[in-house]
Amino acid sequence: MTAVPRLLDEIHPGEILLHEFLKPLCISEAQLARDLGVPLVEVRALVRGELALSVEMALRLGLFFSMEPRFWLSLQCEFDMRTAIRKRRQEISGQVRICALTA
């Protein structure tokens, strides 16, 4: 079995939203929720890392910040992959038979 490379800790997209966007721009969670047209509880759960960022939320954030929605989706995808590798890779690798390709 090959060694699993050491990964940095997972960073939830909500943490990036809070520290890289909301705080520097002085935007409250309540203001963001109103401007996005979503319930405040949804924004709060996202910022706390309790809710995964959906495709719809990525679209809303992309429109709000005038940026590519894929940026937000890639953050969620990276978070999910790092979490899965850290928590499930060993278990899953024991269940998978590796394909033996021949030329």
C-alpha atoms as a PDB file:
ATOM      1  CA  MET A   1       0.000   0.000   0.000  1.00  0.00           C
ATOM      2  CA  THR A   2       1.266   3.476  -0.845  1.00  0.00           C
ATOM      3  CA  ALA A   3       1.657   6.126   1.822  1.00  0.00           C
ATOM      4  CA  VAL A   4      -1.077   8.742   2.031  1.00  0.00           C
ATOM      5  CA  PRO A   5       0.384  12.227   1.646  1.00  0.00           C
ATOM      6  CA  ARG A   6      -0.139  14.528   4.616  1.00  0.00           C
ATOM      7  CA  LEU A   7      -2.976  16.925   3.865  1.00  0.00           C
ATOM      8  CA  LEU A   8      -3.549  20.310   5.375  1.00  0.00           C
ATOM      9  CA  ASP A   9      -6.628  20.638   7.547  1.00  0.00           C
ATOM     10  CA  GLU A  10      -9.874  21.001   5.678  1.00  0.00           C
ATOM     11  CA  ILE A  11     -11.153  24.556   5.277  1.00  0.00           C
ATOM     12  CA  HIS A  12     -14.902  24.826   4.893  1.00  0.00           C
ATOM     13  CA  PRO A  13     -16.134  27.271   2.219  1.00  0.00           C
ATOM     14  CA  GLY A  14     -18.109  29.074   4.930  1.00  0.00           C
ATOM     15  CA  GLU A  15     -14.883  29.898   6.746  1.00  0.00           C
ATOM     16  CA  ILE A  16     -13.466  31.422   3.589  1.00  0.00           C
ATOM     17  CA  LEU A  17     -16.708  33.307   3.004  1.00  0.00           C
ATOM     18  CA  LEU A  18     -16.539  34.764   6.504  1.00  0.00           C
ATOM     19  CA  HIS A  19     -12.836  35.629   6.752  1.00  0.00           C
ATOM     20  CA  GLU A  20     -12.016  36.553   3.165  1.00  0.00           C
ATOM     21  CA  PHE A  21     -15.251  38.244   2.092  1.00  0.00           C
ATOM     22  CA  LEU A  22     -17.739  39.188   4.800  1.00  0.00           C
ATOM     23  CA  LYS A  23     -15.380  40.572   7.439  1.00  0.00           C
ATOM     24  CA  PRO A  24     -13.111  42.549   5.068  1.00  0.00           C
ATOM     25  CA  LEU A  25     -16.133  44.027   3.280  1.00  0.00           C
ATOM     26  CA  CYS A  26     -18.046  44.678   6.534  1.00  0.00           C
ATOM     27  CA  ILE A  27     -21.022  42.620   5.368  1.00  0.00           C
ATOM     28  CA  SER A  28     -23.107  41.005   8.101  1.00  0.00           C
ATOM     29  CA  GLU A  29     -24.569  37.538   7.779  1.00  0.00           C
ATOM     30  CA  ALA A  30     -28.037  39.116   7.965  1.00  0.00           C
ATOM     31  CA  GLN A  31     -27.260  41.539   5.144  1.00  0.00           C
ATOM     32  CA  LEU A  32     -25.837  38.746   3.004  1.00  0.00           C
ATOM     33  CA  ALA A  33     -28.925  36.597   3.589  1.00  0.00           C
ATOM     34  CA  ARG A  34     -31.225  39.466   2.588  1.00  0.00           C
ATOM     35  CA  ASP A  35     -29.180  40.294  -0.512  1.00  0.00           C
ATOM     36  CA  LEU A  36     -28.978  36.643  -1.576  1.00  0.00           C
ATOM     37  CA  GLY A  37     -32.675  36.053  -0.932  1.00  0.00           C
ATOM     38  CA  VAL A  38     -32.098  33.132   1.432  1.00  0.00           C
ATOM     39  CA  PRO A  39     -32.975  32.513   5.085  1.00  0.00           C
ATOM     40  CA  LEU A  40     -30.502  33.831   7.635  1.00  0.00           C
ATOM     41  CA  VAL A  41     -30.266  30.378   9.226  1.00  0.00           C
ATOM     42  CA  GLU A  42     -28.870  29.054   5.931  1.00  0.00           C
ATOM     43  CA  VAL A  43     -26.113  31.670   5.794  1.00  0.00           C
ATOM     44  CA  ARG A  44     -25.274  31.157   9.457  1.00  0.00           C
ATOM     45  CA  ALA A  45     -25.090  27.379   9.047  1.00  0.00           C
ATOM     46  CA  LEU A  46     -22.826  27.806   6.017  1.00  0.00           C
ATOM     47  CA  VAL A  47     -20.490  30.225   7.812  1.00  0.00           C
ATOM     48  CA  ARG A  48     -20.282  27.876  10.822  1.00  0.00           C
ATOM     49  CA  GLY A  49     -19.400  24.935   8.582  1.00  0.00           C
ATOM     50  CA  GLU A  50     -22.621  23.114   9.444  1.00  0.00           C
ATOM     51  CA  LEU A  51     -24.007  23.213   5.906  1.00  0.00           C
ATOM     52  CA  ALA A  52     -22.410  22.212   2.629  1.00  0.00           C
ATOM     53  CA  LEU A  53     -22.354  24.859  -0.054  1.00  0.00           C
ATOM     54  CA  SER A  54     -24.942  23.955  -2.702  1.00  0.00           C
ATOM     55  CA  VAL A  55     -24.809  24.665  -6.426  1.00  0.00           C
ATOM     56  CA  GLU A  56     -27.600  27.204  -5.955  1.00  0.00           C
ATOM     57  CA  MET A  57     -25.715  28.983  -3.171  1.00  0.00           C
ATOM     58  CA  ALA A  58     -22.581  29.022  -5.339  1.00  0.00           C
ATOM     59  CA  LEU A  59     -24.602  30.714  -8.070  1.00  0.00           C
ATOM     60  CA  ARG A  60     -26.026  33.267  -5.619  1.00  0.00           C
ATOM     61  CA  LEU A  61     -22.594  34.035  -4.140  1.00  0.00           C
ATOM     62  CA  GLY A  62     -21.096  34.300  -7.618  1.00  0.00           C
ATOM     63  CA  LEU A  63     -23.727  36.797  -8.657  1.00  0.00           C
ATOM     64  CA  PHE A  64     -23.486  38.772  -5.415  1.00  0.00           C
ATOM     65  CA  PHE A  65     -19.692  39.093  -5.496  1.00  0.00           C
ATOM     66  CA  SER A  66     -19.533  39.365  -9.332  1.00  0.00           C
ATOM     67  CA  MET A  67     -17.331  36.318  -9.616  1.00  0.00           C
ATOM     68  CA  GLU A  68     -17.394  32.844 -11.079  1.00  0.00           C
ATOM     69  CA  PRO A  69     -19.737  30.486  -9.160  1.00  0.00           C
ATOM     70  CA  ARG A  70     -17.294  27.650  -9.866  1.00  0.00           C
ATOM     71  CA  PHE A  71     -14.905  29.254  -7.388  1.00  0.00           C
ATOM     72  CA  TRP A  72     -17.337  28.460  -4.570  1.00  0.00           C
ATOM     73  CA  LEU A  73     -18.057  24.974  -5.875  1.00  0.00           C
ATOM     74  CA  SER A  74     -14.364  24.172  -6.122  1.00  0.00           C
ATOM     75  CA  LEU A  75     -13.927  25.162  -2.472  1.00  0.00           C
ATOM     76  CA  GLN A  76     -16.703  22.755  -1.453  1.00  0.00           C
ATOM     77  CA  CYS A  77     -15.332  19.998  -3.679  1.00  0.00           C
ATOM     78  CA  GLU A  78     -11.840  20.369  -2.225  1.00  0.00           C
ATOM     79  CA  PHE A  79     -13.245  20.369   1.313  1.00  0.00           C
ATOM     80  CA  ASP A  80     -15.273  17.216   0.601  1.00  0.00           C
ATOM     81  CA  MET A  81     -12.335  15.390  -0.999  1.00  0.00           C
ATOM     82  CA  ARG A  82      -9.902  16.221   1.808  1.00  0.00           C
ATOM     83  CA  THR A  83     -12.493  15.138   4.374  1.00  0.00           C
ATOM     84  CA  ALA A  84     -13.127  11.856   2.552  1.00  0.00           C
ATOM     85  CA  ILE A  85      -9.419  11.112   2.150  1.00  0.00           C
ATOM     86  CA  ARG A  86      -8.735  11.776   5.798  1.00  0.00           C
ATOM     87  CA  LYS A  87     -11.724   9.864   7.158  1.00  0.00           C
ATOM     88  CA  ARG A  88     -12.474   7.095   4.674  1.00  0.00           C
ATOM     89  CA  ARG A  89      -9.522   6.424   2.348  1.00  0.00           C
ATOM     90  CA  GLN A  90      -8.083   3.535   4.313  1.00  0.00           C
ATOM     91  CA  GLU A  91     -11.462   1.839   4.732  1.00  0.00           C
ATOM     92  CA  ILE A  92     -12.403   2.289   1.071  1.00  0.00           C
ATOM     93  CA  SER A  93      -8.989   1.229  -0.244  1.00  0.00           C
ATOM     94  CA  GLY A  94      -9.464  -2.100   1.542  1.00  0.00           C
ATOM     95  CA  GLN A  95     -12.683  -2.663  -0.413  1.00  0.00           C
ATOM     96  CA  VAL A  96     -11.460  -1.734  -3.898  1.00  0.00           C
ATOM     97  CA  ARG A  97      -9.716  -4.133  -6.218  1.00  0.00           C
ATOM     98  CA  ILE A  98      -7.189  -2.217  -8.329  1.00  0.00           C
ATOM     99  CA  CYS A  99      -7.553  -2.554 -12.059  1.00  0.00           C
ATOM    100  CA  ALA A 100      -4.617  -4.405 -13.594  1.00  0.00           C
ATOM    101  CA  LEU A 101      -4.130  -2.718 -16.970  1.00  0.00           C
ATOM    102  CA  THR A 102      -2.060  -4.547 -19.537  1.00  0.00           C
ATOM    103  CA  ALA A 103      -0.592  -2.991 -22.634  1.00  0.00           C
END
